[in-house]
Amino acid sequence: MADLFAPLALAHGPGMKNRFMLAPLTNLQSHADGRLSDDEFRWLTLRAQGGFGLTMTCASHVQAQGQGFPGQLGVFADGHVEGLTRLAAAIKAAGSVAMMQLHHAGMRSPAKLIGGTPVCPSDNAETGARALTLAEVEQLAEDFVAAAVRAERAGFDGVEIHGAHGYVISQFLSPEINQRTDRYGGSPENRARLLFDIVAGVRARCRPDFVLAVRLSPERFGLRLAEIRAVAQQLLAGCAIDLLDLSLWDFAKEPEEAEYKGRSLLSYFTGLERGPVRLGAAGKIMGAADACRVLAAGADFCVIGRAAILHHDFPLRVQADPGFKAVSLPVTADYLRNEGLGPAFVGYMGTWKGFVQAEPA
């Protein structure tokens, strides 16, 4: 328990006061043009006030055509900066590191939502997405970097590059989805080039003490564990990033690929040489005991998703009670409203099986 509340220094920027990071959580609460809403502001600032050492925004799209869901926070235009400045200041005033996640949905952008054809590393018959031209890939990297500069201008301590969950960077990493024959396709090194171009660009264009994180999925979405592990090792060895955030779905699970079973998925990454880079994991961390197990397994911090939806003050509750576990599901809509979720977010959680109690007819 003491380890969970020990400070965590970072190579660049302010350190975390404890080992709890708020996961970047889809919530559908922002305005249609990507501007911050009062509901989004309340949701995030309540978590900062609730003891999270690092408060991460939801996935925030870096291009209008990269929007992945309605009500998504945007960081693709200067008109977003005013609201983001208000948000960053409030998070930091609560003693939490303020981070913005940068995102592009790629082929997972709904055509009706973006008013056009979604884009992908290669033409994709299943989604109807078209291949990005080489110039468009280069522009995509630039727009991620420009979004980071915008977040810096708004006062955020840093950004996280969303390379997980089958979105555009993950699509480039996938040997199944990425069929390009230029310098962004083919070999694992080429398929990872977009990610490393963005990392290098952020480091070159943002201040020296700007925190930089990357989120990766080690499997699913057409990815191969060995390749993602190699990407992770390169990120760790380069020391350009401060945080590597692994989205595991279940921190204790074994890999899905048969040849890697017999040990935890997390162990394939905690064993890597990481230097000053901090490693965190997300996936079914629902109480104090789970959080302790993540650190005991070799991670540096815990990424809290569902439990943070259920308890805005999850870290404070864990600190007060070593036996604390998140409330059992389902919960009522009123419960979620009291935890700072706006109407759109409550409605979204109602689409998660077994999360929200059905209201009487």
Protein backbone atom coordinates (compact mmCIF):
# COMPACT_ATOMS: atom_id res chain seq x y z
CA MET A 1 0.00 0.00 0.00
CA ALA A 2 2.82 2.42 0.78
CA ASP A 3 4.19 1.99 -2.75
CA LEU A 4 0.85 3.09 -4.25
CA PHE A 5 1.21 6.47 -2.56
CA ALA A 6 4.92 6.99 -3.11
CA PRO A 7 5.72 9.86 -5.51
CA LEU A 8 6.80 8.92 -9.03
CA ALA A 9 9.42 11.15 -10.66
CA LEU A 10 9.40 11.51 -14.44
CA ALA A 11 12.35 12.18 -16.75
CA HIS A 12 10.60 15.29 -18.10
CA GLY A 13 8.11 17.53 -16.34
CA PRO A 14 6.35 17.25 -12.99
CA GLY A 15 6.18 13.92 -11.23
CA MET A 16 3.07 12.13 -10.02
CA LYS A 17 2.17 12.41 -6.33
CA ASN A 18 1.03 8.78 -6.33
CA ARG A 19 0.79 5.77 -8.68
CA PHE A 20 -2.77 6.36 -9.96
CA MET A 21 -3.47 7.61 -13.47
CA LEU A 22 -6.97 8.27 -14.74
CA ALA A 23 -7.46 6.25 -17.93
CA PRO A 24 -8.40 8.15 -21.09
CA LEU A 25 -12.11 7.31 -21.21
CA THR A 26 -14.56 7.83 -24.05
CA ASN A 27 -17.52 9.79 -22.72
CA LEU A 28 -19.33 11.61 -25.60
CA GLN A 29 -19.71 14.77 -23.51
CA SER A 30 -18.02 17.53 -25.51
CA HIS A 31 -19.63 19.90 -28.00
CA ALA A 32 -20.15 18.79 -31.61
CA ASP A 33 -17.28 20.98 -32.81
CA GLY A 34 -14.87 19.47 -30.27
CA ARG A 35 -14.95 22.32 -27.77
CA LEU A 36 -14.86 21.47 -24.08
CA SER A 37 -18.25 21.24 -22.36
CA ASP A 38 -19.07 21.91 -18.73
CA ASP A 39 -19.95 18.21 -18.32
CA GLU A 40 -16.50 17.15 -19.59
CA PHE A 41 -14.86 19.75 -17.37
CA ARG A 42 -16.71 18.50 -14.29
CA TRP A 43 -16.00 14.83 -15.03
CA LEU A 44 -12.25 15.38 -15.31
CA THR A 45 -11.73 17.94 -12.56
CA LEU A 46 -13.63 15.80 -10.06
CA ARG A 47 -11.11 12.99 -10.71
CA ALA A 48 -8.20 15.37 -10.23
CA GLN A 49 -9.76 16.50 -6.95
CA GLY A 50 -10.38 12.85 -6.08
CA GLY A 51 -6.68 12.11 -5.72
CA PHE A 52 -5.44 10.91 -9.10
CA GLY A 53 -1.74 11.62 -9.49
CA LEU A 54 -2.25 12.06 -13.24
CA THR A 55 -5.50 13.03 -14.95
CA MET A 56 -5.74 12.06 -18.62
CA THR A 57 -8.39 13.46 -20.94
CA CYS A 58 -10.43 11.25 -23.22
CA ALA A 59 -9.05 10.58 -26.70
CA SER A 60 -8.92 14.02 -28.35
CA HIS A 61 -8.86 14.04 -32.14
CA VAL A 62 -6.06 15.80 -34.00
CA GLN A 63 -7.92 16.06 -37.33
CA ALA A 64 -11.62 16.67 -37.94
CA GLN A 65 -11.69 13.61 -40.21
CA GLY A 66 -10.17 11.53 -37.41
CA GLN A 67 -13.17 11.83 -35.11
CA GLY A 68 -14.15 8.46 -33.70
CA PHE A 69 -17.36 9.13 -31.81
CA PRO A 70 -19.94 11.87 -31.19
CA GLY A 71 -19.19 14.44 -28.50
CA GLN A 72 -15.44 13.86 -28.75
CA LEU A 73 -13.06 16.43 -27.31
CA GLY A 74 -11.02 18.11 -30.05
CA VAL A 75 -7.51 19.54 -30.24
CA PHE A 76 -7.29 20.07 -34.01
CA ALA A 77 -8.07 23.79 -34.08
CA ASP A 78 -6.99 26.91 -32.22
CA GLY A 79 -10.62 27.46 -31.25
CA HIS A 80 -10.28 24.54 -28.83
CA VAL A 81 -7.50 26.17 -26.82
CA GLU A 82 -9.65 28.44 -24.66
CA GLY A 83 -11.62 25.58 -23.11
CA LEU A 84 -8.55 23.39 -22.82
CA THR A 85 -6.72 26.16 -20.97
CA ARG A 86 -9.52 26.28 -18.41
CA LEU A 87 -9.37 22.49 -18.04
CA ALA A 88 -5.60 22.23 -17.66
CA ALA A 89 -5.52 24.96 -15.02
CA ALA A 90 -8.22 23.28 -12.93
CA ILE A 91 -6.57 19.86 -13.08
CA LYS A 92 -3.21 21.26 -12.02
CA ALA A 93 -4.82 23.35 -9.26
CA ALA A 94 -6.03 20.07 -7.75
CA GLY A 95 -2.45 18.78 -7.57
CA SER A 96 -2.73 16.37 -10.48
CA VAL A 97 -0.52 16.14 -13.58
CA ALA A 98 -2.64 17.36 -16.53
CA MET A 99 -2.32 15.25 -19.68
CA MET A 100 -4.18 15.26 -22.99
CA GLN A 101 -4.48 12.11 -25.11
CA LEU A 102 -4.01 12.67 -28.86
CA HIS A 103 -6.07 10.46 -31.16
CA HIS A 104 -7.14 9.75 -34.72
CA ALA A 105 -9.62 6.96 -35.39
CA GLY A 106 -8.47 6.18 -38.93
CA MET A 107 -10.72 3.56 -40.52
CA ARG A 108 -12.83 3.54 -37.35
CA SER A 109 -14.14 7.06 -38.03
CA PRO A 110 -17.85 6.68 -38.91
CA ALA A 111 -18.45 8.12 -42.39
CA LYS A 112 -21.72 9.77 -41.30
CA LEU A 113 -19.99 11.44 -38.38
CA ILE A 114 -17.09 12.90 -40.36
CA GLY A 115 -19.12 13.59 -43.50
CA GLY A 116 -16.75 11.73 -45.76
CA THR A 117 -14.70 8.61 -46.35
CA PRO A 118 -12.57 7.40 -43.43
CA VAL A 119 -8.86 6.93 -44.00
CA CYS A 120 -6.49 4.08 -43.28
CA PRO A 121 -2.92 3.02 -44.03
CA SER A 122 -4.35 0.95 -46.92
CA ASP A 123 -7.69 0.59 -48.68
CA ASN A 124 -9.96 -1.38 -46.37
CA ALA A 125 -12.97 -3.14 -47.87
CA GLU A 126 -14.54 -3.99 -44.51
CA THR A 127 -14.84 -0.36 -43.39
CA GLY A 128 -14.82 1.36 -46.76
CA ALA A 129 -11.76 3.36 -45.73
CA ARG A 130 -9.34 4.62 -48.37
CA ALA A 131 -5.56 4.56 -48.20
CA LEU A 132 -3.76 7.71 -47.12
CA THR A 133 -1.35 9.14 -49.66
CA LEU A 134 2.28 9.58 -48.60
CA ALA A 135 1.71 13.33 -48.28
CA GLU A 136 -1.34 12.67 -46.10
CA VAL A 137 0.65 10.37 -43.80
CA GLU A 138 3.24 13.10 -43.39
CA GLN A 139 0.46 15.61 -42.69
CA LEU A 140 -1.05 13.22 -40.14
CA ALA A 141 2.24 13.13 -38.24
CA GLU A 142 2.42 16.92 -38.40
CA ASP A 143 -1.13 17.26 -37.09
CA PHE A 144 -0.35 15.05 -34.08
CA VAL A 145 2.65 17.25 -33.33
CA ALA A 146 0.66 20.46 -33.88
CA ALA A 147 -1.99 19.15 -31.46
CA ALA A 148 0.72 18.56 -28.85
CA VAL A 149 1.93 22.13 -29.32
CA ARG A 150 -1.67 23.32 -28.91
CA ALA A 151 -2.01 21.29 -25.68
CA GLU A 152 1.24 22.79 -24.41
CA ARG A 153 -0.06 26.27 -25.19
CA ALA A 154 -3.22 25.46 -23.23
CA GLY A 155 -1.11 24.69 -20.18
CA PHE A 156 -1.13 20.90 -20.14
CA ASP A 157 1.87 19.21 -18.55
CA GLY A 158 2.07 16.75 -21.42
CA VAL A 159 0.33 14.54 -23.97
CA GLU A 160 -0.21 10.86 -24.62
CA ILE A 161 -0.09 9.48 -28.17
CA HIS A 162 -2.91 6.96 -28.62
CA GLY A 163 -1.31 4.01 -30.38
CA ALA A 164 -3.80 1.41 -29.09
CA HIS A 165 -7.27 -0.02 -29.66
CA GLY A 166 -7.17 -0.35 -33.43
CA TYR A 167 -7.07 3.40 -34.15
CA VAL A 168 -4.87 4.93 -36.82
CA ILE A 169 -1.41 4.40 -35.27
CA SER A 170 -2.39 0.86 -34.29
CA GLN A 171 -3.60 0.37 -37.88
CA PHE A 172 -0.17 1.34 -39.16
CA LEU A 173 1.46 -1.09 -36.69
CA SER A 174 -0.74 -3.99 -37.85
CA PRO A 175 0.69 -6.29 -40.54
CA GLU A 176 -2.87 -7.30 -41.41
CA ILE A 177 -4.25 -3.80 -41.95
CA ASN A 178 -1.16 -2.00 -43.23
CA GLN A 179 -0.38 -3.20 -46.76
CA ARG A 180 1.64 -0.15 -47.82
CA THR A 181 4.77 -0.53 -49.92
CA ASP A 182 6.37 2.85 -49.11
CA ARG A 183 8.45 3.77 -46.07
CA TYR A 184 5.38 3.46 -43.80
CA GLY A 185 4.63 -0.16 -44.69
CA GLY A 186 6.20 -3.59 -45.01
CA SER A 187 8.73 -4.23 -42.26
CA PRO A 188 7.88 -3.79 -38.58
CA GLU A 189 10.27 -0.83 -38.51
CA ASN A 190 8.44 0.87 -41.38
CA ARG A 191 5.02 0.20 -39.87
CA ALA A 192 6.17 1.81 -36.60
CA ARG A 193 7.65 4.82 -38.40
CA LEU A 194 4.56 7.03 -38.00
CA LEU A 195 4.60 6.56 -34.22
CA PHE A 196 8.30 7.37 -33.95
CA ASP A 197 7.96 10.36 -36.29
CA ILE A 198 5.30 11.77 -33.96
CA VAL A 199 7.37 11.09 -30.83
CA ALA A 200 10.40 12.82 -32.38
CA GLY A 201 8.28 15.74 -33.54
CA VAL A 202 6.71 16.34 -30.14
CA ARG A 203 10.10 16.22 -28.45
CA ALA A 204 11.55 18.67 -30.97
CA ARG A 205 8.68 21.18 -30.89
CA CYS A 206 7.55 21.16 -27.25
CA ARG A 207 9.45 22.46 -24.25
CA PRO A 208 12.10 20.22 -22.63
CA ASP A 209 9.99 19.53 -19.52
CA PHE A 210 6.89 18.43 -21.47
CA VAL A 211 5.67 14.98 -20.42
CA LEU A 212 5.25 12.51 -23.30
CA ALA A 213 3.39 9.20 -23.03
CA VAL A 214 2.45 6.47 -25.51
CA ARG A 215 -0.45 4.04 -25.15
CA LEU A 216 -0.12 0.62 -26.82
CA SER A 217 -2.27 -2.48 -27.17
CA PRO A 218 -0.04 -5.57 -27.06
CA GLU A 219 -2.52 -7.78 -28.94
CA ARG A 220 -5.82 -7.93 -30.86
CA PHE A 221 -6.58 -5.42 -33.64
CA GLY A 222 -4.37 -7.34 -36.06
CA LEU A 223 -1.29 -6.85 -33.87
CA ARG A 224 1.44 -9.33 -32.99
CA LEU A 225 2.79 -9.47 -29.47
CA ALA A 226 6.43 -9.91 -30.50
CA GLU A 227 6.27 -6.84 -32.72
CA ILE A 228 4.57 -4.64 -30.13
CA ARG A 229 7.07 -5.78 -27.53
CA ALA A 230 9.87 -4.71 -29.90
CA VAL A 231 8.18 -1.32 -30.42
CA ALA A 232 7.90 -0.95 -26.66
CA GLN A 233 11.56 -1.80 -26.18
CA GLN A 234 12.57 0.79 -28.77
CA LEU A 235 10.42 3.44 -27.08
CA LEU A 236 11.91 2.57 -23.69
CA ALA A 237 15.49 2.46 -24.94
CA GLY A 238 15.20 5.79 -26.72
CA CYS A 239 14.18 7.57 -23.51
CA ALA A 240 12.24 10.14 -25.56
CA ILE A 241 9.03 9.26 -23.74
CA ASP A 242 8.28 9.41 -20.04
CA LEU A 243 5.38 6.97 -19.72
CA LEU A 244 4.42 3.77 -21.52
CA ASP A 245 0.75 2.98 -20.93
CA LEU A 246 -0.30 -0.60 -21.71
CA SER A 247 -3.99 -1.27 -22.33
CA LEU A 248 -4.37 -4.93 -21.40
CA TRP A 249 -8.17 -5.29 -20.81
CA ASP A 250 -7.19 -7.42 -17.78
CA PHE A 251 -3.87 -6.78 -16.03
CA ALA A 252 -3.62 -10.44 -14.93
CA LYS A 253 -4.48 -12.10 -18.26
CA GLU A 254 -2.26 -14.36 -20.32
CA PRO A 255 -1.54 -13.51 -23.97
CA GLU A 256 -4.02 -14.60 -26.62
CA GLU A 257 -1.30 -15.98 -28.92
CA ALA A 258 -0.79 -19.63 -28.02
CA GLU A 259 3.01 -19.57 -28.13
CA TYR A 260 3.16 -16.91 -25.41
CA LYS A 261 0.75 -18.46 -22.89
CA GLY A 262 1.94 -19.68 -19.51
CA ARG A 263 2.77 -16.27 -18.04
CA SER A 264 1.03 -12.93 -17.80
CA LEU A 265 0.84 -10.57 -20.74
CA LEU A 266 2.14 -7.81 -18.49
CA SER A 267 5.30 -9.80 -17.71
CA TYR A 268 6.45 -9.55 -21.33
CA PHE A 269 6.82 -5.81 -20.79
CA THR A 270 7.88 -5.46 -17.15
CA GLY A 271 10.95 -7.51 -18.03
CA LEU A 272 12.15 -4.98 -20.61
CA GLU A 273 14.97 -2.59 -19.78
CA ARG A 274 13.17 0.72 -19.29
CA GLY A 275 15.76 3.18 -17.95
CA PRO A 276 13.96 6.31 -16.69
CA VAL A 277 10.71 5.55 -18.56
CA ARG A 278 7.77 4.59 -16.32
CA LEU A 279 5.55 1.64 -17.22
CA GLY A 280 1.85 1.47 -16.38
CA ALA A 281 -0.97 -0.98 -17.00
CA ALA A 282 -4.74 -0.78 -17.37
CA GLY A 283 -7.31 -3.55 -17.17
CA LYS A 284 -9.78 -4.53 -14.46
CA ILE A 285 -8.01 -2.76 -11.60
CA MET A 286 -11.06 -2.53 -9.38
CA GLY A 287 -9.68 -2.23 -5.86
CA ALA A 288 -6.70 -1.73 -3.58
CA ALA A 289 -5.55 -5.34 -3.85
CA ASP A 290 -5.57 -5.21 -7.66
CA ALA A 291 -3.53 -2.01 -7.66
CA CYS A 292 -0.97 -3.56 -5.31
CA ARG A 293 -0.72 -6.60 -7.59
CA VAL A 294 0.05 -4.40 -10.61
CA LEU A 295 2.97 -2.77 -8.81
CA ALA A 296 4.12 -6.11 -7.41
CA ALA A 297 4.18 -7.45 -10.97
CA GLY A 298 6.75 -4.80 -11.87
CA ALA A 299 4.71 -1.87 -13.17
CA ASP A 300 5.37 1.67 -11.93
CA PHE A 301 1.78 2.95 -11.95
CA CYS A 302 -1.84 1.84 -12.34
CA VAL A 303 -4.24 3.11 -15.00
CA ILE A 304 -7.78 3.22 -13.61
CA GLY A 305 -10.79 3.12 -15.93
CA ARG A 306 -14.08 1.58 -14.81
CA ALA A 307 -13.30 2.01 -11.13
CA ALA A 308 -12.72 5.73 -11.78
CA ILE A 309 -16.13 5.99 -13.45
CA LEU A 310 -17.66 4.43 -10.34
CA HIS A 311 -15.60 6.43 -7.83
CA HIS A 312 -14.29 9.89 -8.67
CA ASP A 313 -12.12 9.61 -5.54
CA PHE A 314 -10.85 6.06 -6.07
CA PRO A 315 -7.26 6.85 -4.94
CA LEU A 316 -8.45 8.53 -1.74
CA ARG A 317 -10.71 5.58 -0.97
CA VAL A 318 -7.84 3.14 -1.46
CA GLN A 319 -5.62 5.26 0.76
CA ALA A 320 -8.24 5.25 3.52
CA ASP A 321 -9.09 1.54 3.23
CA PRO A 322 -6.54 -1.14 2.16
CA GLY A 323 -9.47 -3.49 1.53
CA PHE A 324 -11.38 -1.10 -0.72
CA LYS A 325 -13.15 -2.51 -3.78
CA ALA A 326 -15.24 -0.64 -6.31
CA VAL A 327 -19.00 -0.82 -5.88
CA SER A 328 -20.68 -3.84 -7.49
CA LEU A 329 -22.50 -3.49 -10.81
CA PRO A 330 -25.02 -2.54 -11.94
CA VAL A 331 -25.37 0.94 -10.50
CA THR A 332 -28.20 3.39 -11.03
CA ALA A 333 -28.10 6.34 -13.39
CA ASP A 334 -28.49 8.59 -10.37
CA TYR A 335 -25.39 7.02 -8.82
CA LEU A 336 -23.37 7.90 -11.94
CA ARG A 337 -24.74 11.42 -12.06
CA ASN A 338 -23.61 11.88 -8.47
CA GLU A 339 -20.14 10.72 -9.53
CA GLY A 340 -19.92 13.57 -12.03
CA LEU A 341 -21.09 11.94 -15.26
CA GLY A 342 -23.19 14.13 -17.53
CA PRO A 343 -26.30 12.89 -19.40
CA ALA A 344 -24.38 11.83 -22.53
CA PHE A 345 -21.86 9.84 -20.49
CA VAL A 346 -24.58 8.17 -18.42
CA GLY A 347 -26.36 7.24 -21.64
CA TYR A 348 -23.16 5.81 -23.08
CA MET A 349 -22.54 3.70 -20.00
CA GLY A 350 -26.06 2.36 -20.45
CA THR A 351 -24.81 0.66 -23.63
CA TRP A 352 -22.26 -1.32 -21.58
CA LYS A 353 -23.84 -4.63 -20.67
CA GLY A 354 -24.66 -4.87 -16.97
CA PHE A 355 -23.20 -1.48 -16.00
CA VAL A 356 -26.34 0.64 -15.46
CA GLN A 357 -29.41 -0.63 -13.69
CA ALA A 358 -32.53 -0.53 -15.83
CA GLU A 359 -34.97 2.12 -14.64
CA PRO A 360 -38.56 1.13 -13.87
CA ALA A 361 -40.98 1.54 -16.76
